[in-house]
Amino acid sequence: MMKKLLRSKYKEIRRSIIDKEDRDNIIFNRVINNTKVIDADTLLIYVSNEEEVDTINIIKYFINKKKIKNVVINFILKFECSICAQCR
């Protein structure tokens, strides 16, 4: 029960973030400029939902950059995923 309450609480906090796009951009820049990520052969990343940090731009960046050999994308089937349309 406690876990359910905590999830609800933090879900509400994430929904209330006003400058989400700015925060997403800050995280995007930190990820693409991280030397461990840059030097990696494989990137494991999830497809985010609208309440989470946006990972779509990170996925697109590394797929288009083609420096990382493998971009492994994980998504949960219960969410509607439009990754193919967004990455083109």
C-alpha atoms as a PDB file:
ATOM      1  CA  MET A   1       0.000   0.000   0.000  1.00  0.00           C
ATOM      2  CA  MET A   2       2.812   2.427   0.871  1.00  0.00           C
ATOM      3  CA  LYS A   3       4.393   1.860  -2.548  1.00  0.00           C
ATOM      4  CA  LYS A   4       1.119   2.754  -4.263  1.00  0.00           C
ATOM      5  CA  LEU A   5       0.817   5.969  -2.227  1.00  0.00           C
ATOM      6  CA  LEU A   6       4.383   6.976  -3.025  1.00  0.00           C
ATOM      7  CA  ARG A   7       3.867   6.342  -6.739  1.00  0.00           C
ATOM      8  CA  SER A   8       0.738   8.487  -6.723  1.00  0.00           C
ATOM      9  CA  LYS A   9       2.475  11.249  -4.807  1.00  0.00           C
ATOM     10  CA  TYR A  10       5.440  11.445  -7.165  1.00  0.00           C
ATOM     11  CA  LYS A  11       3.255  11.094 -10.233  1.00  0.00           C
ATOM     12  CA  GLU A  12       1.397  14.218  -9.110  1.00  0.00           C
ATOM     13  CA  ILE A  13       4.676  16.023  -8.508  1.00  0.00           C
ATOM     14  CA  ARG A  14       5.842  15.151 -12.035  1.00  0.00           C
ATOM     15  CA  ARG A  15       2.528  16.325 -13.502  1.00  0.00           C
ATOM     16  CA  SER A  16       2.853  19.669 -11.728  1.00  0.00           C
ATOM     17  CA  ILE A  17       6.255  20.560 -13.207  1.00  0.00           C
ATOM     18  CA  ILE A  18       5.740  23.821 -15.038  1.00  0.00           C
ATOM     19  CA  ASP A  19       8.940  24.064 -17.079  1.00  0.00           C
ATOM     20  CA  LYS A  20       9.113  20.403 -18.140  1.00  0.00           C
ATOM     21  CA  GLU A  21      10.412  21.196 -21.612  1.00  0.00           C
ATOM     22  CA  ASP A  22      13.311  23.228 -20.196  1.00  0.00           C
ATOM     23  CA  ARG A  23      14.159  20.465 -17.748  1.00  0.00           C
ATOM     24  CA  ASP A  24      13.951  17.855 -20.522  1.00  0.00           C
ATOM     25  CA  ASN A  25      16.403  19.933 -22.589  1.00  0.00           C
ATOM     26  CA  ILE A  26      18.842  20.203 -19.686  1.00  0.00           C
ATOM     27  CA  ILE A  27      18.786  16.428 -19.223  1.00  0.00           C
ATOM     28  CA  PHE A  28      19.092  15.881 -22.999  1.00  0.00           C
ATOM     29  CA  ASN A  29      22.236  18.029 -23.095  1.00  0.00           C
ATOM     30  CA  ARG A  30      23.728  16.291 -20.073  1.00  0.00           C
ATOM     31  CA  VAL A  31      23.180  12.879 -21.649  1.00  0.00           C
ATOM     32  CA  ILE A  32      24.519  13.678 -25.130  1.00  0.00           C
ATOM     33  CA  ASN A  33      27.605  15.372 -23.654  1.00  0.00           C
ATOM     34  CA  ASN A  34      28.373  12.658 -21.095  1.00  0.00           C
ATOM     35  CA  THR A  35      31.740  11.101 -21.987  1.00  0.00           C
ATOM     36  CA  LYS A  36      30.673   7.628 -20.834  1.00  0.00           C
ATOM     37  CA  VAL A  37      27.650   7.790 -23.132  1.00  0.00           C
ATOM     38  CA  ILE A  38      29.688   9.207 -26.014  1.00  0.00           C
ATOM     39  CA  ASP A  39      32.287   6.431 -25.687  1.00  0.00           C
ATOM     40  CA  ALA A  40      29.709   3.639 -25.377  1.00  0.00           C
ATOM     41  CA  ASP A  41      29.111   1.040 -28.079  1.00  0.00           C
ATOM     42  CA  THR A  42      25.588   0.367 -26.839  1.00  0.00           C
ATOM     43  CA  LEU A  43      22.953   2.693 -25.420  1.00  0.00           C
ATOM     44  CA  LEU A  44      20.071   1.183 -23.442  1.00  0.00           C
ATOM     45  CA  ILE A  45      17.149   3.570 -23.192  1.00  0.00           C
ATOM     46  CA  TYR A  46      13.431   3.416 -22.561  1.00  0.00           C
ATOM     47  CA  VAL A  47      10.607   5.158 -24.398  1.00  0.00           C
ATOM     48  CA  SER A  48       9.187   7.621 -21.927  1.00  0.00           C
ATOM     49  CA  ASN A  49       5.575   8.443 -21.329  1.00  0.00           C
ATOM     50  CA  GLU A  50       4.432  12.051 -21.054  1.00  0.00           C
ATOM     51  CA  GLU A  51       4.937  12.154 -17.282  1.00  0.00           C
ATOM     52  CA  GLU A  52       8.608  11.156 -17.466  1.00  0.00           C
ATOM     53  CA  VAL A  53      11.742  12.816 -18.768  1.00  0.00           C
ATOM     54  CA  ASP A  54      11.392  12.947 -22.544  1.00  0.00           C
ATOM     55  CA  THR A  55      13.691  10.314 -24.062  1.00  0.00           C
ATOM     56  CA  ILE A  56      12.454  10.557 -27.666  1.00  0.00           C
ATOM     57  CA  ASN A  57      14.933  13.320 -28.575  1.00  0.00           C
ATOM     58  CA  ILE A  58      17.775  11.376 -26.971  1.00  0.00           C
ATOM     59  CA  ILE A  59      16.825   8.281 -28.994  1.00  0.00           C
ATOM     60  CA  LYS A  60      16.571  10.282 -32.233  1.00  0.00           C
ATOM     61  CA  TYR A  61      19.900  11.998 -31.571  1.00  0.00           C
ATOM     62  CA  PHE A  62      21.839   8.771 -31.122  1.00  0.00           C
ATOM     63  CA  ILE A  63      20.107   6.937 -33.963  1.00  0.00           C
ATOM     64  CA  ASN A  64      20.892   9.814 -36.347  1.00  0.00           C
ATOM     65  CA  LYS A  65      24.428  10.309 -35.040  1.00  0.00           C
ATOM     66  CA  LYS A  66      25.308   6.676 -35.819  1.00  0.00           C
ATOM     67  CA  LYS A  67      28.404   6.804 -33.587  1.00  0.00           C
ATOM     68  CA  ILE A  68      26.945   4.361 -31.103  1.00  0.00           C
ATOM     69  CA  LYS A  69      26.661   0.951 -32.744  1.00  0.00           C
ATOM     70  CA  ASN A  70      23.557  -0.239 -30.885  1.00  0.00           C
ATOM     71  CA  VAL A  71      20.659   1.783 -29.554  1.00  0.00           C
ATOM     72  CA  VAL A  72      18.463  -0.632 -27.613  1.00  0.00           C
ATOM     73  CA  ILE A  73      15.007   0.795 -27.021  1.00  0.00           C
ATOM     74  CA  ASN A  74      12.704  -0.622 -24.380  1.00  0.00           C
ATOM     75  CA  PHE A  75       9.059   0.276 -24.103  1.00  0.00           C
ATOM     76  CA  ILE A  76       6.138  -1.067 -22.154  1.00  0.00           C
ATOM     77  CA  LEU A  77       3.361  -2.341 -24.396  1.00  0.00           C
ATOM     78  CA  LYS A  78       0.578  -0.916 -22.243  1.00  0.00           C
ATOM     79  CA  PHE A  79       1.587   2.582 -23.387  1.00  0.00           C
ATOM     80  CA  GLU A  80       0.830   3.691 -26.892  1.00  0.00           C
ATOM     81  CA  CYS A  81       4.226   4.177 -28.498  1.00  0.00           C
ATOM     82  CA  SER A  82       4.709   6.277 -31.614  1.00  0.00           C
ATOM     83  CA  ILE A  83       8.484   5.997 -31.654  1.00  0.00           C
ATOM     84  CA  CYS A  84       8.680   4.939 -35.288  1.00  0.00           C
ATOM     85  CA  ALA A  85       6.776   7.969 -36.495  1.00  0.00           C
ATOM     86  CA  GLN A  86       8.737  10.330 -34.248  1.00  0.00           C
ATOM     87  CA  CYS A  87      12.192   9.035 -35.143  1.00  0.00           C
ATOM     88  CA  ARG A  88      11.827   9.431 -38.872  1.00  0.00           C
END
